[in-house]
Amino acid sequence: MIFYTYLDPDVLSVENVENDFAMQALIGILRGFTQNCFIAEFEDYRLQDAIKEQVNSLPDTFDRKIIKSLLTALKKRNRFIYCLVPDYSGNEDDISCLVEQAAECFLDLLLFSEANKDAEIPDGIEKATLATFQTTNFENVRSNLAINGRTFTNGELDQNDFLNWCFGKMLRYPTRIEICDKLFGSRFSGNFEYTVKTFLRWFEQIIVEPQSCKLIFHCGKPEGHTDHHIKTQLVSFKTGRLENLPMEIQFYQLPDNSQALPHDRYLVTDQIVIDIGRGFDFLDRNTRKNRDLTVGYKSFKEVDNLLKSYASAMLPRILI
């Protein structure tokens, strides 16, 4: 559901957006990037520095203001992922380093300026300029997902294929993951328990820096002492690279046992928010495939406000 892209700083140069059509094309592309894309960056921040320099060189117009706001939104949402390594010796330029590392960094599309559009890139990765971006398969798939999300039939994918498709690029670089599912706590067994166990085993192989991430479960308070069982099970699921992953359980309960969390279920990171229609029991323990469900994108601000509206039902947080 997430796409990795590269934004050539020269795309934002005065020469590359010298006419109104090119400027509007750039604004449209950046708006799309804010929906469901992460931008590959060099580990020394050189891409963002170069982009800032190019934007500051643009004429001081309302269009430049829009571009600045879109780039600020991408940075604020931690959408720049530091997966590229420059050649510090200076023997290779950044485009050459990008092309060499694009496949191992799982990039989907490279957005080039006209000056760099002829760069040879690995098979399986698309490239485009402002003029050709709308004709790419990347944009066709990306925009369709942004609008419609995806609905899965029961047993459509094996569990690993499903996890890779839904979360593979979303959960490589987060610093915070929050799972909101009121039934996860009150009905923890069966497919809920199987799903989280399988998810964590898969997640161990995906996340780049597990020690820099925190995983929080927001769920309804179970009856009796079942909450101790949930904690014990989650501890047992933290194996290998996840042993030092900070994990917390936030139970919710109101004195009259009225609804203490929203009906809808979400997976929230510091980078993006998706809704998981069925909740965190999306895997079938008998078939080891996905159950029927719909996934889509949501507004971080709106979901954050929704969760905050249930703050009065929060119980003391449990550290794992």
C-alpha atoms as a PDB file:
ATOM      1  CA  MET A   1       0.000   0.000   0.000  1.00  0.00           C
ATOM      2  CA  ILE A   2       3.012   2.277   0.280  1.00  0.00           C
ATOM      3  CA  PHE A   3       5.289   3.292  -2.586  1.00  0.00           C
ATOM      4  CA  TYR A   4       8.953   4.296  -2.471  1.00  0.00           C
ATOM      5  CA  THR A   5       9.991   7.088  -4.813  1.00  0.00           C
ATOM      6  CA  TYR A   6      12.994   9.263  -5.552  1.00  0.00           C
ATOM      7  CA  LEU A   7      12.660  12.998  -6.205  1.00  0.00           C
ATOM      8  CA  ASP A   8      15.506  14.402  -8.287  1.00  0.00           C
ATOM      9  CA  PRO A   9      16.162  17.906  -6.852  1.00  0.00           C
ATOM     10  CA  ASP A  10      16.606  19.253 -10.386  1.00  0.00           C
ATOM     11  CA  VAL A  11      12.906  18.535 -10.970  1.00  0.00           C
ATOM     12  CA  LEU A  12      12.250  21.633  -8.845  1.00  0.00           C
ATOM     13  CA  SER A  13      14.736  23.876 -10.655  1.00  0.00           C
ATOM     14  CA  VAL A  14      13.636  27.088 -12.327  1.00  0.00           C
ATOM     15  CA  GLU A  15      14.584  25.619 -15.712  1.00  0.00           C
ATOM     16  CA  ASN A  16      12.494  22.492 -15.184  1.00  0.00           C
ATOM     17  CA  VAL A  17       9.303  24.293 -14.072  1.00  0.00           C
ATOM     18  CA  GLU A  18       9.653  27.443 -16.121  1.00  0.00           C
ATOM     19  CA  ASN A  19       6.113  27.245 -17.521  1.00  0.00           C
ATOM     20  CA  ASP A  20       2.779  27.082 -15.716  1.00  0.00           C
ATOM     21  CA  PHE A  21       1.962  23.577 -16.977  1.00  0.00           C
ATOM     22  CA  ALA A  22       5.165  22.111 -15.530  1.00  0.00           C
ATOM     23  CA  MET A  23       4.614  23.871 -12.214  1.00  0.00           C
ATOM     24  CA  GLN A  24       1.068  22.537 -11.913  1.00  0.00           C
ATOM     25  CA  ALA A  25       2.251  19.044 -12.844  1.00  0.00           C
ATOM     26  CA  LEU A  26       4.819  19.204 -10.040  1.00  0.00           C
ATOM     27  CA  ILE A  27       2.220  20.328  -7.507  1.00  0.00           C
ATOM     28  CA  GLY A  28      -0.064  17.469  -8.527  1.00  0.00           C
ATOM     29  CA  ILE A  29       2.718  14.898  -8.174  1.00  0.00           C
ATOM     30  CA  LEU A  30       3.729  16.161  -4.729  1.00  0.00           C
ATOM     31  CA  ARG A  31       0.097  16.037  -3.597  1.00  0.00           C
ATOM     32  CA  GLY A  32      -0.003  12.419  -4.677  1.00  0.00           C
ATOM     33  CA  PHE A  33       3.213  11.697  -2.804  1.00  0.00           C
ATOM     34  CA  THR A  34       1.653  12.978   0.434  1.00  0.00           C
ATOM     35  CA  GLN A  35      -1.119  10.395   0.086  1.00  0.00           C
ATOM     36  CA  ASN A  36       0.854   7.143   0.035  1.00  0.00           C
ATOM     37  CA  CYS A  37       4.507   7.617  -0.894  1.00  0.00           C
ATOM     38  CA  PHE A  38       7.823   7.721   0.957  1.00  0.00           C
ATOM     39  CA  ILE A  39      10.826   9.472  -0.619  1.00  0.00           C
ATOM     40  CA  ALA A  40      14.224   7.809  -0.622  1.00  0.00           C
ATOM     41  CA  GLU A  41      16.881  10.083   0.894  1.00  0.00           C
ATOM     42  CA  PHE A  42      20.650   9.844   1.367  1.00  0.00           C
ATOM     43  CA  GLU A  43      21.824   9.209   4.895  1.00  0.00           C
ATOM     44  CA  ASP A  44      23.477  12.641   5.113  1.00  0.00           C
ATOM     45  CA  TYR A  45      20.276  14.574   4.215  1.00  0.00           C
ATOM     46  CA  ARG A  46      21.784  15.884   0.989  1.00  0.00           C
ATOM     47  CA  LEU A  47      18.595  15.351  -1.015  1.00  0.00           C
ATOM     48  CA  GLN A  48      16.493  17.564   1.254  1.00  0.00           C
ATOM     49  CA  ASP A  49      19.231  20.190   1.329  1.00  0.00           C
ATOM     50  CA  ALA A  50      19.340  20.250  -2.473  1.00  0.00           C
ATOM     51  CA  ILE A  51      15.539  20.365  -2.732  1.00  0.00           C
ATOM     52  CA  LYS A  52      15.405  23.290  -0.300  1.00  0.00           C
ATOM     53  CA  GLU A  53      18.000  25.154  -2.345  1.00  0.00           C
ATOM     54  CA  GLN A  54      16.029  24.647  -5.561  1.00  0.00           C
ATOM     55  CA  VAL A  55      12.726  25.709  -4.005  1.00  0.00           C
ATOM     56  CA  ASN A  56      14.267  28.851  -2.554  1.00  0.00           C
ATOM     57  CA  SER A  57      15.477  29.742  -6.047  1.00  0.00           C
ATOM     58  CA  LEU A  58      11.956  29.634  -7.502  1.00  0.00           C
ATOM     59  CA  PRO A  59      10.048  32.895  -8.022  1.00  0.00           C
ATOM     60  CA  ASP A  60       8.217  33.983  -4.889  1.00  0.00           C
ATOM     61  CA  THR A  61       4.717  33.053  -6.042  1.00  0.00           C
ATOM     62  CA  PHE A  62       1.684  31.285  -4.602  1.00  0.00           C
ATOM     63  CA  ASP A  63       2.772  28.129  -6.443  1.00  0.00           C
ATOM     64  CA  ARG A  64       6.076  28.132  -4.562  1.00  0.00           C
ATOM     65  CA  LYS A  65       4.133  28.490  -1.322  1.00  0.00           C
ATOM     66  CA  ILE A  66       2.087  25.391  -2.191  1.00  0.00           C
ATOM     67  CA  ILE A  67       5.239  23.403  -3.036  1.00  0.00           C
ATOM     68  CA  LYS A  68       6.847  24.426   0.257  1.00  0.00           C
ATOM     69  CA  SER A  69       3.760  23.364   2.207  1.00  0.00           C
ATOM     70  CA  LEU A  70       3.648  19.947   0.497  1.00  0.00           C
ATOM     71  CA  LEU A  71       7.341  19.309   1.118  1.00  0.00           C
ATOM     72  CA  THR A  72       6.913  20.446   4.724  1.00  0.00           C
ATOM     73  CA  ALA A  73       4.037  17.980   5.137  1.00  0.00           C
ATOM     74  CA  LEU A  74       6.217  15.152   3.788  1.00  0.00           C
ATOM     75  CA  LYS A  75       9.015  16.038   6.198  1.00  0.00           C
ATOM     76  CA  LYS A  76       6.661  16.472   9.171  1.00  0.00           C
ATOM     77  CA  ARG A  77       5.200  13.029   8.523  1.00  0.00           C
ATOM     78  CA  ASN A  78       8.688  11.487   8.347  1.00  0.00           C
ATOM     79  CA  ARG A  79       8.162  10.456   4.731  1.00  0.00           C
ATOM     80  CA  PHE A  80      11.855  10.813   3.847  1.00  0.00           C
ATOM     81  CA  ILE A  81      13.494   7.433   4.408  1.00  0.00           C
ATOM     82  CA  TYR A  82      17.268   7.352   4.827  1.00  0.00           C
ATOM     83  CA  CYS A  83      18.106   4.304   2.746  1.00  0.00           C
ATOM     84  CA  LEU A  84      20.639   5.654   0.228  1.00  0.00           C
ATOM     85  CA  VAL A  85      24.397   5.914   0.816  1.00  0.00           C
ATOM     86  CA  PRO A  86      26.343   8.556  -1.132  1.00  0.00           C
ATOM     87  CA  ASP A  87      29.829   8.076  -2.497  1.00  0.00           C
ATOM     88  CA  TYR A  88      31.783  10.116   0.035  1.00  0.00           C
ATOM     89  CA  SER A  89      34.932   9.801  -2.097  1.00  0.00           C
ATOM     90  CA  GLY A  90      33.281  11.891  -4.788  1.00  0.00           C
ATOM     91  CA  ASN A  91      33.984   9.418  -7.574  1.00  0.00           C
ATOM     92  CA  GLU A  92      30.285   8.834  -8.307  1.00  0.00           C
ATOM     93  CA  ASP A  93      27.511  11.396  -8.481  1.00  0.00           C
ATOM     94  CA  ASP A  94      24.229  11.008  -6.623  1.00  0.00           C
ATOM     95  CA  ILE A  95      22.282   9.747  -9.640  1.00  0.00           C
ATOM     96  CA  SER A  96      24.809   6.952 -10.170  1.00  0.00           C
ATOM     97  CA  CYS A  97      24.578   5.973  -6.488  1.00  0.00           C
ATOM     98  CA  LEU A  98      20.797   6.076  -6.706  1.00  0.00           C
ATOM     99  CA  VAL A  99      20.677   3.777  -9.726  1.00  0.00           C
ATOM    100  CA  GLU A 100      23.064   1.297  -8.098  1.00  0.00           C
ATOM    101  CA  GLN A 101      21.023   1.111  -4.882  1.00  0.00           C
ATOM    102  CA  ALA A 102      17.472   1.556  -6.201  1.00  0.00           C
ATOM    103  CA  ALA A 103      16.623  -2.145  -6.364  1.00  0.00           C
ATOM    104  CA  GLU A 104      17.962  -3.058  -2.906  1.00  0.00           C
ATOM    105  CA  CYS A 105      16.053  -0.079  -1.491  1.00  0.00           C
ATOM    106  CA  PHE A 106      12.802  -1.352  -3.062  1.00  0.00           C
ATOM    107  CA  LEU A 107      12.175   1.855  -5.026  1.00  0.00           C
ATOM    108  CA  ASP A 108       9.124   1.924  -7.284  1.00  0.00           C
ATOM    109  CA  LEU A 109       9.629   5.117  -9.285  1.00  0.00           C
ATOM    110  CA  LEU A 110      12.401   7.623  -9.925  1.00  0.00           C
ATOM    111  CA  LEU A 111      11.207  11.110 -10.814  1.00  0.00           C
ATOM    112  CA  PHE A 112      13.915  12.742 -12.924  1.00  0.00           C
ATOM    113  CA  SER A 113      14.462  16.163 -14.409  1.00  0.00           C
ATOM    114  CA  GLU A 114      14.748  16.422 -18.173  1.00  0.00           C
ATOM    115  CA  ALA A 115      18.539  16.561 -17.777  1.00  0.00           C
ATOM    116  CA  ASN A 116      18.672  13.152 -16.062  1.00  0.00           C
ATOM    117  CA  LYS A 117      15.801  11.358 -17.797  1.00  0.00           C
ATOM    118  CA  ASP A 118      18.074   9.101 -19.878  1.00  0.00           C
ATOM    119  CA  ALA A 119      19.704   7.448 -16.851  1.00  0.00           C
ATOM    120  CA  GLU A 120      19.694   3.649 -17.119  1.00  0.00           C
ATOM    121  CA  ILE A 121      17.745   2.104 -14.262  1.00  0.00           C
ATOM    122  CA  PRO A 122      17.229  -1.480 -13.023  1.00  0.00           C
ATOM    123  CA  ASP A 123      14.428  -3.638 -14.405  1.00  0.00           C
ATOM    124  CA  GLY A 124      11.222  -3.523 -12.425  1.00  0.00           C
ATOM    125  CA  ILE A 125      11.588   0.157 -11.501  1.00  0.00           C
ATOM    126  CA  GLU A 126       9.921   2.951 -13.442  1.00  0.00           C
ATOM    127  CA  LYS A 127      11.277   6.389 -14.212  1.00  0.00           C
ATOM    128  CA  ALA A 128       9.435   9.514 -15.263  1.00  0.00           C
ATOM    129  CA  THR A 129       9.655  13.252 -15.762  1.00  0.00           C
ATOM    130  CA  LEU A 130       6.979  15.840 -15.103  1.00  0.00           C
ATOM    131  CA  ALA A 131       5.832  15.351 -18.689  1.00  0.00           C
ATOM    132  CA  THR A 132       5.550  11.543 -18.540  1.00  0.00           C
ATOM    133  CA  PHE A 133       4.557  10.885 -14.917  1.00  0.00           C
ATOM    134  CA  GLN A 134       0.826  10.547 -15.603  1.00  0.00           C
ATOM    135  CA  THR A 135       1.459   7.808 -18.184  1.00  0.00           C
ATOM    136  CA  THR A 136       3.332   5.503 -15.783  1.00  0.00           C
ATOM    137  CA  ASN A 137       1.892   2.295 -14.404  1.00  0.00           C
ATOM    138  CA  PHE A 138       3.121   3.514 -11.013  1.00  0.00           C
ATOM    139  CA  GLU A 139       0.768   6.500 -11.010  1.00  0.00           C
ATOM    140  CA  ASN A 140      -2.141   4.421 -12.277  1.00  0.00           C
ATOM    141  CA  VAL A 141      -1.752   1.927  -9.416  1.00  0.00           C
ATOM    142  CA  ARG A 142      -0.853   4.524  -6.770  1.00  0.00           C
ATOM    143  CA  SER A 143      -3.787   6.842  -7.473  1.00  0.00           C
ATOM    144  CA  ASN A 144      -6.273   3.968  -7.686  1.00  0.00           C
ATOM    145  CA  LEU A 145      -5.192   2.724  -4.242  1.00  0.00           C
ATOM    146  CA  ALA A 146      -5.343   6.249  -2.820  1.00  0.00           C
ATOM    147  CA  ILE A 147      -8.951   6.529  -3.973  1.00  0.00           C
ATOM    148  CA  ASN A 148     -10.287   3.018  -3.452  1.00  0.00           C
ATOM    149  CA  GLY A 149      -7.975   1.211  -1.037  1.00  0.00           C
ATOM    150  CA  ARG A 150      -8.222  -2.528  -1.565  1.00  0.00           C
ATOM    151  CA  THR A 151     -10.796  -5.148  -0.671  1.00  0.00           C
ATOM    152  CA  PHE A 152      -9.619  -8.739  -0.226  1.00  0.00           C
ATOM    153  CA  THR A 153     -11.736 -11.853  -0.560  1.00  0.00           C
ATOM    154  CA  ASN A 154     -11.303 -14.584   2.010  1.00  0.00           C
ATOM    155  CA  GLY A 155      -8.154 -16.630   1.342  1.00  0.00           C
ATOM    156  CA  GLU A 156      -7.007 -14.444  -1.547  1.00  0.00           C
ATOM    157  CA  LEU A 157      -3.346 -14.363  -0.453  1.00  0.00           C
ATOM    158  CA  ASP A 158      -1.025 -16.482   1.650  1.00  0.00           C
ATOM    159  CA  GLN A 159      -0.305 -14.751   4.951  1.00  0.00           C
ATOM    160  CA  ASN A 160       3.231 -13.636   4.059  1.00  0.00           C
ATOM    161  CA  ASP A 161       2.122 -12.278   0.678  1.00  0.00           C
ATOM    162  CA  PHE A 162      -0.682 -10.404   2.402  1.00  0.00           C
ATOM    163  CA  LEU A 163       1.617  -8.954   5.076  1.00  0.00           C
ATOM    164  CA  ASN A 164       4.175  -7.946   2.464  1.00  0.00           C
ATOM    165  CA  TRP A 165       1.586  -6.258   0.280  1.00  0.00           C
ATOM    166  CA  CYS A 166      -0.176  -4.375   3.073  1.00  0.00           C
ATOM    167  CA  PHE A 167       2.684  -3.521   5.401  1.00  0.00           C
ATOM    168  CA  GLY A 168       6.005  -4.414   3.758  1.00  0.00           C
ATOM    169  CA  LYS A 169       7.010  -0.867   2.803  1.00  0.00           C
ATOM    170  CA  MET A 170       4.946   0.817   5.484  1.00  0.00           C
ATOM    171  CA  LEU A 171       6.721  -0.795   8.429  1.00  0.00           C
ATOM    172  CA  ARG A 172      10.388  -0.767   7.471  1.00  0.00           C
ATOM    173  CA  TYR A 173      11.207   2.670   8.916  1.00  0.00           C
ATOM    174  CA  PRO A 174       8.624   3.737  11.551  1.00  0.00           C
ATOM    175  CA  THR A 175       9.557   5.039  14.982  1.00  0.00           C
ATOM    176  CA  ARG A 176       6.058   4.403  16.353  1.00  0.00           C
ATOM    177  CA  ILE A 177       3.323   1.904  15.528  1.00  0.00           C
ATOM    178  CA  GLU A 178      -0.080   2.016  17.206  1.00  0.00           C
ATOM    179  CA  ILE A 179      -2.704  -0.668  16.649  1.00  0.00           C
ATOM    180  CA  CYS A 180      -6.220   0.386  17.599  1.00  0.00           C
ATOM    181  CA  ASP A 181      -8.700  -2.487  17.840  1.00  0.00           C
ATOM    182  CA  LYS A 182     -11.187  -2.602  20.711  1.00  0.00           C
ATOM    183  CA  LEU A 183     -11.837  -6.346  20.271  1.00  0.00           C
ATOM    184  CA  PHE A 184      -8.158  -7.286  20.311  1.00  0.00           C
ATOM    185  CA  GLY A 185      -8.169  -7.177  24.114  1.00  0.00           C
ATOM    186  CA  SER A 186     -11.655  -8.408  24.927  1.00  0.00           C
ATOM    187  CA  ARG A 187     -11.499 -11.327  22.470  1.00  0.00           C
ATOM    188  CA  PHE A 188      -7.806 -12.189  22.518  1.00  0.00           C
ATOM    189  CA  SER A 189      -7.627 -15.796  21.317  1.00  0.00           C
ATOM    190  CA  GLY A 190      -8.087 -17.670  18.063  1.00  0.00           C
ATOM    191  CA  ASN A 191      -7.396 -15.526  15.019  1.00  0.00           C
ATOM    192  CA  PHE A 192      -6.484 -12.453  17.082  1.00  0.00           C
ATOM    193  CA  GLU A 193      -3.702 -14.323  18.857  1.00  0.00           C
ATOM    194  CA  TYR A 194      -2.596 -16.075  15.676  1.00  0.00           C
ATOM    195  CA  THR A 195      -2.548 -12.839  13.687  1.00  0.00           C
ATOM    196  CA  VAL A 196      -0.402 -10.888  16.148  1.00  0.00           C
ATOM    197  CA  LYS A 197       2.007 -13.817  16.595  1.00  0.00           C
ATOM    198  CA  THR A 198       2.437 -14.204  12.829  1.00  0.00           C
ATOM    199  CA  PHE A 199       2.629 -10.431  12.363  1.00  0.00           C
ATOM    200  CA  LEU A 200       5.439 -10.028  14.909  1.00  0.00           C
ATOM    201  CA  ARG A 201       7.459 -12.906  13.445  1.00  0.00           C
ATOM    202  CA  TRP A 202       7.136 -11.295  10.029  1.00  0.00           C
ATOM    203  CA  PHE A 203       7.793  -7.799  11.388  1.00  0.00           C
ATOM    204  CA  GLU A 204      11.101  -8.918  12.898  1.00  0.00           C
ATOM    205  CA  GLN A 205      12.431  -9.537   9.390  1.00  0.00           C
ATOM    206  CA  ILE A 206      11.128  -6.243   7.971  1.00  0.00           C
ATOM    207  CA  ILE A 207      11.878  -3.372  10.338  1.00  0.00           C
ATOM    208  CA  VAL A 208      15.253  -1.710   9.824  1.00  0.00           C
ATOM    209  CA  GLU A 209      15.844  -0.407  13.365  1.00  0.00           C
ATOM    210  CA  PRO A 210      13.591  -2.224  15.864  1.00  0.00           C
ATOM    211  CA  GLN A 211      15.280  -0.627  18.863  1.00  0.00           C
ATOM    212  CA  SER A 212      14.214   2.818  17.565  1.00  0.00           C
ATOM    213  CA  CYS A 213      10.535   1.925  17.306  1.00  0.00           C
ATOM    214  CA  LYS A 214       7.714   1.580  19.836  1.00  0.00           C
ATOM    215  CA  LEU A 215       4.675  -0.667  19.366  1.00  0.00           C
ATOM    216  CA  ILE A 216       1.474   0.217  21.228  1.00  0.00           C
ATOM    217  CA  PHE A 217      -1.789  -1.749  21.328  1.00  0.00           C
ATOM    218  CA  HIS A 218      -4.983   0.225  22.036  1.00  0.00           C
ATOM    219  CA  CYS A 219      -7.739  -2.233  22.944  1.00  0.00           C
ATOM    220  CA  GLY A 220     -10.688  -2.940  25.198  1.00  0.00           C
ATOM    221  CA  LYS A 221     -10.101  -4.297  28.707  1.00  0.00           C
ATOM    222  CA  PRO A 222     -10.813  -8.041  28.875  1.00  0.00           C
ATOM    223  CA  GLU A 223     -12.746  -9.565  31.725  1.00  0.00           C
ATOM    224  CA  GLY A 224     -11.020 -11.161  34.705  1.00  0.00           C
ATOM    225  CA  HIS A 225      -7.289 -11.762  34.495  1.00  0.00           C
ATOM    226  CA  THR A 226      -7.134 -12.271  30.730  1.00  0.00           C
ATOM    227  CA  ASP A 227      -5.050  -9.107  30.460  1.00  0.00           C
ATOM    228  CA  HIS A 228      -2.166 -10.961  32.136  1.00  0.00           C
ATOM    229  CA  HIS A 229      -2.466 -13.692  29.527  1.00  0.00           C
ATOM    230  CA  ILE A 230      -2.271 -11.103  26.722  1.00  0.00           C
ATOM    231  CA  LYS A 231       0.868  -9.606  28.244  1.00  0.00           C
ATOM    232  CA  THR A 232       2.471 -13.028  28.690  1.00  0.00           C
ATOM    233  CA  GLN A 233       1.737 -14.008  25.110  1.00  0.00           C
ATOM    234  CA  LEU A 234       3.016 -10.763  23.643  1.00  0.00           C
ATOM    235  CA  VAL A 235       6.238 -11.114  25.632  1.00  0.00           C
ATOM    236  CA  SER A 236       6.692 -14.617  24.202  1.00  0.00           C
ATOM    237  CA  PHE A 237       6.170 -13.282  20.685  1.00  0.00           C
ATOM    238  CA  LYS A 238       9.003 -10.737  21.072  1.00  0.00           C
ATOM    239  CA  THR A 239      11.854 -12.850  19.784  1.00  0.00           C
ATOM    240  CA  GLY A 240      15.089 -12.308  17.884  1.00  0.00           C
ATOM    241  CA  ARG A 241      15.544  -8.706  16.758  1.00  0.00           C
ATOM    242  CA  LEU A 242      12.345  -7.677  18.554  1.00  0.00           C
ATOM    243  CA  GLU A 243      13.586  -8.566  22.049  1.00  0.00           C
ATOM    244  CA  ASN A 244      14.470  -4.934  22.726  1.00  0.00           C
ATOM    245  CA  LEU A 245      11.472  -3.460  20.915  1.00  0.00           C
ATOM    246  CA  PRO A 246       9.539  -1.273  23.392  1.00  0.00           C
ATOM    247  CA  MET A 247       5.950  -2.509  23.525  1.00  0.00           C
ATOM    248  CA  GLU A 248       2.956  -1.238  25.477  1.00  0.00           C
ATOM    249  CA  ILE A 249      -0.701  -2.171  25.980  1.00  0.00           C
ATOM    250  CA  GLN A 250      -3.226   0.593  26.499  1.00  0.00           C
ATOM    251  CA  PHE A 251      -6.473  -0.879  27.807  1.00  0.00           C
ATOM    252  CA  TYR A 252      -9.698   1.136  27.754  1.00  0.00           C
ATOM    253  CA  GLN A 253     -12.749   0.659  29.984  1.00  0.00           C
ATOM    254  CA  LEU A 254     -15.594   2.839  31.258  1.00  0.00           C
ATOM    255  CA  PRO A 255     -17.409   2.240  34.574  1.00  0.00           C
ATOM    256  CA  ASP A 256     -20.713   1.513  32.825  1.00  0.00           C
ATOM    257  CA  ASN A 257     -18.993  -0.719  30.242  1.00  0.00           C
ATOM    258  CA  SER A 258     -20.170   1.535  27.400  1.00  0.00           C
ATOM    259  CA  GLN A 259     -18.125   1.844  24.219  1.00  0.00           C
ATOM    260  CA  ALA A 260     -14.582   2.803  25.206  1.00  0.00           C
ATOM    261  CA  LEU A 261     -12.964   2.767  21.749  1.00  0.00           C
ATOM    262  CA  PRO A 262     -14.192   3.421  18.194  1.00  0.00           C
ATOM    263  CA  HIS A 263     -15.747   0.622  16.183  1.00  0.00           C
ATOM    264  CA  ASP A 264     -13.314   1.188  13.290  1.00  0.00           C
ATOM    265  CA  ARG A 265      -9.851  -0.333  13.534  1.00  0.00           C
ATOM    266  CA  TYR A 266      -6.604   1.414  12.578  1.00  0.00           C
ATOM    267  CA  LEU A 267      -2.885   0.938  12.225  1.00  0.00           C
ATOM    268  CA  VAL A 268      -1.153   4.249  12.940  1.00  0.00           C
ATOM    269  CA  THR A 269       2.537   5.038  12.502  1.00  0.00           C
ATOM    270  CA  ASP A 270       4.499   8.255  12.713  1.00  0.00           C
ATOM    271  CA  GLN A 271       4.391   8.249   8.895  1.00  0.00           C
ATOM    272  CA  ILE A 272       0.900   7.194   7.797  1.00  0.00           C
ATOM    273  CA  VAL A 273      -2.462   5.840   8.962  1.00  0.00           C
ATOM    274  CA  ILE A 274      -4.528   3.027   7.452  1.00  0.00           C
ATOM    275  CA  ASP A 275      -7.832   1.552   8.493  1.00  0.00           C
ATOM    276  CA  ILE A 276      -8.206  -2.213   8.749  1.00  0.00           C
ATOM    277  CA  GLY A 277     -11.885  -2.944   8.372  1.00  0.00           C
ATOM    278  CA  ARG A 278     -11.894  -6.324  10.055  1.00  0.00           C
ATOM    279  CA  GLY A 279      -9.372  -5.497  12.735  1.00  0.00           C
ATOM    280  CA  PHE A 280      -6.268  -7.300  13.938  1.00  0.00           C
ATOM    281  CA  ASP A 281      -7.652 -10.763  13.320  1.00  0.00           C
ATOM    282  CA  PHE A 282      -7.124 -10.516   9.568  1.00  0.00           C
ATOM    283  CA  LEU A 283      -5.343 -13.894   9.278  1.00  0.00           C
ATOM    284  CA  ASP A 284      -7.027 -17.288   9.399  1.00  0.00           C
ATOM    285  CA  ARG A 285      -5.084 -19.680  11.637  1.00  0.00           C
ATOM    286  CA  ASN A 286      -6.560 -22.709   9.842  1.00  0.00           C
ATOM    287  CA  THR A 287      -5.749 -21.706   6.253  1.00  0.00           C
ATOM    288  CA  ARG A 288      -2.773 -19.384   6.966  1.00  0.00           C
ATOM    289  CA  LYS A 289      -4.277 -16.940   4.508  1.00  0.00           C
ATOM    290  CA  ASN A 290      -6.008 -13.594   4.814  1.00  0.00           C
ATOM    291  CA  ARG A 291      -9.618 -13.240   5.885  1.00  0.00           C
ATOM    292  CA  ASP A 292     -11.955 -10.961   3.937  1.00  0.00           C
ATOM    293  CA  LEU A 293     -11.316  -7.295   4.698  1.00  0.00           C
ATOM    294  CA  THR A 294     -10.854  -3.821   3.268  1.00  0.00           C
ATOM    295  CA  VAL A 295      -7.841  -1.588   3.885  1.00  0.00           C
ATOM    296  CA  GLY A 296      -7.523   2.103   3.051  1.00  0.00           C
ATOM    297  CA  TYR A 297      -5.822   5.358   4.000  1.00  0.00           C
ATOM    298  CA  LYS A 298      -7.029   7.772   6.677  1.00  0.00           C
ATOM    299  CA  SER A 299      -6.219  11.261   7.905  1.00  0.00           C
ATOM    300  CA  PHE A 300      -3.666  11.233  10.708  1.00  0.00           C
ATOM    301  CA  LYS A 301      -5.205  14.310  12.316  1.00  0.00           C
ATOM    302  CA  GLU A 302      -8.749  12.943  12.254  1.00  0.00           C
ATOM    303  CA  VAL A 303      -7.799   9.528  13.641  1.00  0.00           C
ATOM    304  CA  ASP A 304      -5.624  11.133  16.304  1.00  0.00           C
ATOM    305  CA  ASN A 305      -8.540  13.344  17.384  1.00  0.00           C
ATOM    306  CA  LEU A 306     -10.827  10.304  17.418  1.00  0.00           C
ATOM    307  CA  LEU A 307      -8.544   8.353  19.745  1.00  0.00           C
ATOM    308  CA  LYS A 308      -8.094  11.360  22.000  1.00  0.00           C
ATOM    309  CA  SER A 309     -11.869  11.575  22.397  1.00  0.00           C
ATOM    310  CA  TYR A 310     -11.739   8.252  24.281  1.00  0.00           C
ATOM    311  CA  ALA A 311      -9.004   9.402  26.682  1.00  0.00           C
ATOM    312  CA  SER A 312     -11.346   9.261  29.702  1.00  0.00           C
ATOM    313  CA  ALA A 313     -11.551   5.466  29.301  1.00  0.00           C
ATOM    314  CA  MET A 314      -7.795   4.912  29.434  1.00  0.00           C
ATOM    315  CA  LEU A 315      -6.467   2.610  32.153  1.00  0.00           C
ATOM    316  CA  PRO A 316      -2.835   2.656  33.376  1.00  0.00           C
ATOM    317  CA  ARG A 317      -0.582   1.661  30.514  1.00  0.00           C
ATOM    318  CA  ILE A 318       1.154  -1.725  30.689  1.00  0.00           C
ATOM    319  CA  LEU A 319       4.794  -1.929  29.620  1.00  0.00           C
ATOM    320  CA  ILE A 320       6.058  -5.097  28.005  1.00  0.00           C
END
